[in-house]
Protein backbone atom coordinates (compact mmCIF):
# COMPACT_ATOMS: atom_id res chain seq x y z
CA UNK A 1 -0.22 -0.04 -0.09
CA UNK A 2 1.13 3.57 -0.28
CA UNK A 3 1.81 5.96 2.50
CA UNK A 4 -0.49 5.05 5.12
CA UNK A 5 -1.81 8.68 5.71
CA UNK A 6 -1.94 9.46 2.32
CA UNK A 7 -3.43 6.28 -0.16
CA UNK A 8 -4.08 7.00 -3.35
CA UNK A 9 -7.93 6.91 -4.29
CA UNK A 10 -9.73 7.04 -7.21
CA UNK A 11 -13.38 7.63 -7.64
CA UNK A 12 -15.41 5.84 -10.46
CA UNK A 13 -18.90 7.40 -11.13
CA UNK A 14 -20.93 5.00 -13.58
CA UNK A 15 -23.37 7.27 -15.74
CA UNK A 16 -26.82 6.49 -18.31
CA UNK A 17 -28.60 9.76 -19.14
CA UNK A 18 -28.65 11.79 -16.23
CA UNK A 19 -26.55 14.90 -16.80
CA UNK A 20 -27.85 17.22 -14.58
CA UNK A 21 -27.31 14.63 -11.45
CA UNK A 22 -23.88 13.75 -12.92
CA UNK A 23 -23.21 17.21 -12.85
CA UNK A 24 -24.12 17.70 -8.99
CA UNK A 25 -22.16 14.69 -8.32
CA UNK A 26 -18.68 15.63 -10.03
CA UNK A 27 -18.91 19.15 -8.50
CA UNK A 28 -19.47 17.33 -5.17
CA UNK A 29 -16.42 15.10 -5.68
CA UNK A 30 -14.47 17.97 -6.37
CA UNK A 31 -15.52 20.06 -3.40
CA UNK A 32 -14.31 17.02 -1.19
CA UNK A 33 -12.01 17.59 2.01
CA UNK A 34 -9.97 14.94 0.79
CA UNK A 35 -10.17 15.19 -3.30
CA UNK A 36 -9.72 11.97 -5.28
CA UNK A 37 -6.28 11.42 -6.70
CA UNK A 38 -8.28 10.87 -9.87
CA UNK A 39 -11.95 10.97 -11.10
CA UNK A 40 -12.91 8.13 -13.69
CA UNK A 41 -16.56 8.93 -15.25
CA UNK A 42 -17.87 5.59 -16.91
CA UNK A 43 -20.67 6.82 -19.62
CA UNK A 44 -22.90 3.85 -20.50
CA UNK A 45 -23.61 5.37 -23.93
CA UNK A 46 -25.72 7.98 -23.09
CA UNK A 47 -27.57 9.88 -25.68
CA UNK A 48 -28.29 13.16 -23.67
CA UNK A 49 -25.23 15.25 -24.29
CA UNK A 50 -23.37 13.95 -21.48
CA UNK A 51 -20.40 13.44 -23.58
CA UNK A 52 -20.21 16.96 -24.75
CA UNK A 53 -20.70 18.18 -21.25
CA UNK A 54 -17.83 16.16 -20.11
CA UNK A 55 -15.38 17.14 -22.51
CA UNK A 56 -16.29 21.18 -22.11
CA UNK A 57 -16.85 21.33 -18.26
CA UNK A 58 -15.05 18.66 -16.86
CA UNK A 59 -12.10 17.98 -18.58
CA UNK A 60 -9.98 16.69 -15.81
CA UNK A 61 -12.14 13.80 -15.46
CA UNK A 62 -11.28 10.48 -17.07
CA UNK A 63 -13.89 9.37 -19.59
CA UNK A 64 -14.32 5.70 -20.58
CA UNK A 65 -17.13 5.33 -22.91
CA UNK A 66 -18.99 2.22 -23.94
CA UNK A 67 -20.77 1.80 -26.82
CA UNK A 68 -23.76 0.24 -25.40
CA UNK A 69 -25.39 0.65 -22.40
CA UNK A 70 -24.05 -2.12 -19.90
CA UNK A 71 -26.13 -1.21 -16.76
CA UNK A 72 -24.56 -0.62 -13.53
CA UNK A 73 -22.76 -4.21 -13.36
CA UNK A 74 -21.12 -3.47 -16.73
CA UNK A 75 -20.53 0.16 -15.69
CA UNK A 76 -18.52 -0.55 -12.72
CA UNK A 77 -16.73 -3.57 -14.20
CA UNK A 78 -15.46 -1.15 -17.04
CA UNK A 79 -14.74 1.30 -14.43
CA UNK A 80 -12.83 -0.50 -12.44
CA UNK A 81 -10.91 -2.24 -14.85
CA UNK A 82 -9.87 0.81 -16.44
CA UNK A 83 -8.77 2.14 -13.03
CA UNK A 84 -6.74 -0.94 -12.09
CA UNK A 85 -4.86 -1.54 -15.07
CA UNK A 86 -4.56 2.10 -16.66
CA UNK A 87 -4.18 4.28 -13.74
CA UNK A 88 -0.70 5.12 -12.52
CA UNK A 89 0.46 5.34 -9.70
CA UNK A 90 -1.89 2.30 -9.10
CA UNK A 91 -4.68 2.84 -6.47
CA UNK A 92 -4.80 2.01 -2.76
CA UNK A 93 -8.54 2.13 -2.89
CA UNK A 94 -11.05 3.04 -5.61
CA UNK A 95 -14.52 5.15 -4.14
CA UNK A 96 -17.70 3.93 -6.41
CA UNK A 97 -20.78 5.62 -6.97
CA UNK A 98 -23.70 6.26 -9.18
CA UNK A 99 -24.64 9.23 -10.99
CA UNK A 100 -27.23 10.40 -8.60
CA UNK A 101 -25.14 10.46 -5.40
CA UNK A 102 -24.00 13.29 -4.00
CA UNK A 103 -21.36 13.17 -1.55
CA UNK A 104 -21.43 15.31 1.63
CA UNK A 105 -17.95 17.39 1.71
CA UNK A 106 -16.29 14.89 4.05
CA UNK A 107 -17.72 11.83 2.99
CA UNK A 108 -14.74 10.48 1.48
CA UNK A 109 -12.34 11.71 4.17
CA UNK A 110 -14.53 9.50 6.70
CA UNK A 111 -14.38 6.62 4.84
CA UNK A 112 -10.38 6.55 4.41
CA UNK A 113 -9.97 7.30 8.11
CA UNK A 114 -12.20 4.48 9.13
CA UNK A 115 -10.52 2.34 6.76
CA UNK A 116 -6.93 3.41 7.62
CA UNK A 117 -8.07 3.48 11.54
CA UNK A 118 -9.47 0.11 11.43
CA UNK A 119 -6.62 -1.74 9.93
CA UNK A 120 -4.18 -0.01 12.36
CA UNK A 121 -5.93 -0.77 15.60
CA UNK A 122 -6.33 -4.71 14.26
CA UNK A 123 -2.71 -4.93 12.99
CA UNK A 124 -4.78 -6.80 10.29
CA UNK A 125 -5.40 -5.80 6.52
CA UNK A 126 -7.51 -3.02 5.65
CA UNK A 127 -11.10 -3.63 5.16
CA UNK A 128 -12.44 -5.26 2.08
CA UNK A 129 -15.52 -2.66 2.07
CA UNK A 130 -16.56 0.78 3.79
CA UNK A 131 -19.77 1.67 3.09
CA UNK A 132 -21.33 5.71 3.58
CA UNK A 133 -24.42 6.11 5.15
CA UNK A 134 -27.06 6.85 2.28
CA UNK A 135 -29.92 9.35 2.78
CA UNK A 136 -32.65 10.59 0.54
CA UNK A 137 -33.43 14.28 -0.44
CA UNK A 138 -35.15 14.65 3.13
CA UNK A 139 -32.48 13.44 5.24
CA UNK A 140 -34.23 10.18 6.16
CA UNK A 141 -32.10 7.31 5.39
CA UNK A 142 -32.69 5.62 1.87
CA UNK A 143 -34.53 2.31 2.02
CA UNK A 144 -32.72 1.10 -0.87
CA UNK A 145 -29.05 1.45 0.17
CA UNK A 146 -29.16 0.38 3.93
CA UNK A 147 -26.02 -1.89 4.48
CA UNK A 148 -26.93 -5.45 5.86
CA UNK A 149 -25.22 -5.73 9.12
CA UNK A 150 -23.10 -8.91 9.42
CA UNK A 151 -25.43 -12.09 10.90
CA UNK A 152 -23.91 -13.64 13.91
CA UNK A 153 -20.47 -11.09 14.49
CA UNK A 154 -18.34 -11.92 17.54
CA UNK A 155 -18.70 -9.53 20.07
CA UNK A 156 -15.01 -8.79 19.47
CA UNK A 157 -15.72 -7.59 15.79
CA UNK A 158 -18.15 -5.30 17.07
CA UNK A 159 -16.21 -3.77 19.19
CA UNK A 160 -13.44 -3.05 16.96
CA UNK A 161 -15.42 -1.46 14.27
CA UNK A 162 -17.27 0.84 17.14
CA UNK A 163 -13.78 1.98 18.18
CA UNK A 164 -13.76 3.69 14.50
CA UNK A 165 -17.12 4.60 14.53
CA UNK A 166 -18.57 1.93 12.10
CA UNK A 167 -20.82 -1.49 12.26
CA UNK A 168 -19.59 -4.88 10.66
CA UNK A 169 -21.87 -5.42 7.55
CA UNK A 170 -21.88 -8.40 4.79
CA UNK A 171 -22.74 -6.37 2.08
CA UNK A 172 -23.67 -2.97 0.51
CA UNK A 173 -24.63 -0.92 -2.99
CA UNK A 174 -22.97 1.03 -5.53
CA UNK A 175 -23.96 4.04 -4.12
CA UNK A 176 -20.87 5.02 -2.14
CA UNK A 177 -18.46 2.47 -0.88
CA UNK A 178 -14.69 2.60 -0.88
CA UNK A 179 -13.08 -0.81 -1.87
CA UNK A 180 -10.15 -2.23 -1.36
CA UNK A 181 -7.93 -2.26 -4.88
CA UNK A 182 -5.93 -5.47 -3.60
CA UNK A 183 -9.11 -7.00 -2.83
CA UNK A 184 -10.62 -6.34 -6.11
CA UNK A 185 -7.41 -7.93 -7.54
CA UNK A 186 -7.74 -10.86 -5.99
CA UNK A 187 -11.24 -11.59 -6.13
CA UNK A 188 -12.29 -10.19 -9.29
CA UNK A 189 -14.33 -7.54 -10.65
CA UNK A 190 -18.52 -7.11 -10.63
CA UNK A 191 -20.18 -9.45 -12.82
CA UNK A 192 -20.88 -7.69 -15.85
CA UNK A 193 -23.55 -9.88 -17.24
CA UNK A 194 -25.96 -9.04 -14.27
CA UNK A 195 -26.71 -5.95 -16.29
CA UNK A 196 -28.39 -4.42 -12.97
CA UNK A 197 -29.63 -5.93 -9.72
CA UNK A 198 -27.75 -7.95 -7.06
CA UNK A 199 -24.54 -6.93 -9.08
CA UNK A 200 -23.51 -5.04 -5.81
CA UNK A 201 -24.70 -7.47 -3.13
CA UNK A 202 -22.69 -10.20 -5.21
CA UNK A 203 -19.61 -8.17 -5.57
CA UNK A 204 -19.58 -6.45 -1.65
CA UNK A 205 -20.41 -10.18 -0.23
CA UNK A 206 -17.57 -11.62 -2.28
CA UNK A 207 -15.12 -8.79 -1.21
CA UNK A 208 -16.43 -9.19 2.53
CA UNK A 209 -16.47 -12.71 2.58
CA UNK A 210 -13.73 -14.04 4.91
CA UNK A 211 -12.97 -10.25 5.33
CA UNK A 212 -14.23 -7.28 7.01
CA UNK A 213 -16.71 -5.00 5.85
CA UNK A 214 -17.52 -1.96 7.57
CA UNK A 215 -20.55 0.78 7.69
CA UNK A 216 -19.57 4.05 8.42
CA UNK A 217 -22.04 6.42 9.32
CA UNK A 218 -19.92 9.73 9.71
CA UNK A 219 -19.84 9.38 5.72
CA UNK A 220 -23.04 10.73 4.04
CA UNK A 221 -24.38 11.12 0.85
CA UNK A 222 -27.59 12.18 -0.84
CA UNK A 223 -29.39 9.50 -3.19
CA UNK A 224 -31.09 11.61 -5.57
CA UNK A 225 -33.65 8.87 -6.61
CA UNK A 226 -36.93 10.34 -7.79
CA UNK A 227 -39.05 8.20 -5.14
CA UNK A 228 -38.20 7.62 -1.47
CA UNK A 229 -38.73 3.89 -2.00
CA UNK A 230 -37.12 0.30 -1.25
CA UNK A 231 -36.27 -2.58 -3.41
CA UNK A 232 -39.28 -4.61 -3.03
CA UNK A 233 -41.35 -1.48 -4.99
CA UNK A 234 -43.19 -2.81 -7.95
CA UNK A 235 -40.35 -3.25 -10.80
CA UNK A 236 -42.14 -4.22 -13.47
CA UNK A 237 -40.51 -6.00 -16.30
CA UNK A 238 -37.24 -5.46 -14.60
CA UNK A 239 -38.15 -8.19 -11.88
CA UNK A 240 -36.47 -10.56 -14.54
CA UNK A 241 -32.97 -9.67 -13.43
CA UNK A 242 -33.82 -9.51 -10.16
CA UNK A 243 -34.97 -13.25 -10.52
CA UNK A 244 -32.44 -13.91 -12.78
CA UNK A 245 -29.43 -12.80 -10.68
CA UNK A 246 -30.46 -13.81 -7.84
CA UNK A 247 -30.57 -17.64 -9.31
CA UNK A 248 -27.11 -17.52 -10.58
CA UNK A 249 -26.08 -15.97 -7.29
CA UNK A 250 -27.22 -18.58 -5.18
CA UNK A 251 -26.17 -21.41 -8.05
CA UNK A 252 -22.80 -19.90 -9.50
CA UNK A 253 -21.18 -17.21 -7.20
CA UNK A 254 -18.90 -18.25 -4.64
CA UNK A 255 -19.67 -14.82 -2.75
CA UNK A 256 -21.97 -16.41 -0.14
CA UNK A 257 -21.36 -19.44 2.46
CA UNK A 258 -24.00 -22.97 2.45
CA UNK A 259 -25.49 -21.44 5.44
CA UNK A 260 -25.73 -18.09 3.75
CA UNK A 261 -27.34 -18.92 0.68
CA UNK A 262 -30.05 -20.84 2.77
CA UNK A 263 -30.57 -17.69 4.67
CA UNK A 264 -30.87 -15.66 2.22
CA UNK A 265 -32.55 -17.40 -0.27
CA UNK A 266 -35.35 -17.49 2.44
CA UNK A 267 -35.30 -14.03 2.88
CA UNK A 268 -35.68 -13.33 -0.94
CA UNK A 269 -38.55 -15.62 -1.57
CA UNK A 270 -40.48 -13.76 1.20
CA UNK A 271 -39.65 -10.60 -0.48
CA UNK A 272 -40.45 -11.52 -3.96
CA UNK A 273 -44.09 -12.95 -2.40
CA UNK A 274 -44.57 -9.58 -0.91
CA UNK A 275 -43.66 -7.61 -4.33
CA UNK A 276 -45.67 -9.85 -6.23
CA UNK A 277 -49.01 -9.76 -4.04
CA UNK A 278 -48.36 -5.53 -3.52
CA UNK A 279 -48.11 -5.28 -7.19
CA UNK A 280 -50.87 -3.62 -9.63
CA UNK A 281 -50.04 -6.00 -12.18
CA UNK A 282 -49.35 -9.40 -10.56
CA UNK A 283 -49.43 -10.95 -14.06
CA UNK A 284 -46.69 -8.90 -15.29
CA UNK A 285 -44.55 -9.62 -12.21
CA UNK A 286 -45.41 -13.71 -12.59
CA UNK A 287 -44.49 -14.14 -16.11
CA UNK A 288 -41.06 -11.75 -15.58
CA UNK A 289 -40.41 -14.30 -12.73
CA UNK A 290 -41.14 -17.33 -14.66
CA UNK A 291 -38.56 -15.83 -17.26
CA UNK A 292 -35.88 -15.11 -14.74
CA UNK A 293 -35.99 -18.63 -13.37
CA UNK A 294 -35.52 -20.20 -16.81
CA UNK A 295 -32.64 -17.74 -17.74
CA UNK A 296 -31.29 -18.56 -14.40
CA UNK A 297 -31.10 -22.14 -14.43
CA UNK A 298 -30.31 -22.83 -18.30
CA UNK A 299 -27.78 -20.08 -18.79
CA UNK A 300 -24.47 -18.76 -17.17
CA UNK A 301 -23.02 -15.34 -17.02
CA UNK A 302 -21.24 -14.35 -20.21
CA UNK A 303 -17.53 -13.61 -18.86
CA UNK A 304 -17.02 -10.25 -17.61
CA UNK A 305 -13.68 -9.94 -19.71
CA UNK A 306 -15.93 -10.46 -22.59
CA UNK A 307 -18.48 -7.82 -22.04
CA UNK A 308 -15.49 -5.60 -21.37
CA UNK A 309 -14.08 -6.12 -24.73
CA UNK A 310 -17.51 -5.78 -26.80
CA UNK A 311 -18.10 -2.57 -25.04
CA UNK A 312 -15.10 -0.47 -25.67
CA UNK A 313 -14.23 -2.48 -28.86
CA UNK A 314 -14.66 -0.60 -32.23
CA UNK A 315 -17.45 -1.52 -34.63
CA UNK A 316 -16.18 -4.14 -37.08
CA UNK A 317 -13.08 -5.12 -34.72
CA UNK A 318 -13.82 -8.58 -34.75
CA UNK A 319 -14.83 -8.34 -31.15
CA UNK A 320 -17.96 -9.85 -30.71
CA UNK A 321 -19.43 -13.16 -29.41
CA UNK A 322 -19.27 -15.33 -31.84
């Protein structure tokens, strides 16, 4: 790792057709009390003028442009791959967030402080993930982005986290997390073919398994979603991704242990039932459920390296899925 007091941190923001919100996010990153050494924006083939805006108003930002929309999963895989292979010097940690995330001025400083202090007091490796507190525009904790506390944590683990103002967690969302770069190098990128839903859950549980994840309430960001709603709000046809990706996660990922898969599968089934029961169009969700189950059982994710290669390849370069 770089100098203990001055880790090299790169921010990665994924955007798609939210130019005005992206401006707020990038300005807030630039105004941090601890400014990232570099900021990378992954433009997921936006067609709202995002590319021109970035070129004109944010020339200092490193832009990665995808030929097609690869979703949040593909976007973060692209951004992490670019950062880990092209950044000089190599980063110690990477700060990930969506384009509708506006961090408070000390958000990054608090994440890095917890990251360093925890490893310093325990004498162990730095945490794999440190997650921010995510609030909505009115200051309420956002129900979509609450990190999952670690089940069955030992008292010593809880106390070690508390001494740096944190709580042990088992997973977190991509809205604002600091990830250990070495951990990503060791355990791999997000699975790009998830496209959306459960990509951050699979990725963070994979990074944290056997290591430490922390929730740092002192690091605060505002998630400017259109509505104050949780993950069980009626998703419409996108329910397909929730179902398919959960089947992939439980059957093909090593992010969870066997007992954890049982617990989380039970929780998932209860949430699916609740989501369908409260939907105004149950038939549509049931059909999406069927498609998701079939796809999850009969297919597997396309390798992330292939998705990345196709996303950045020039037309006619021969990088197709042949």
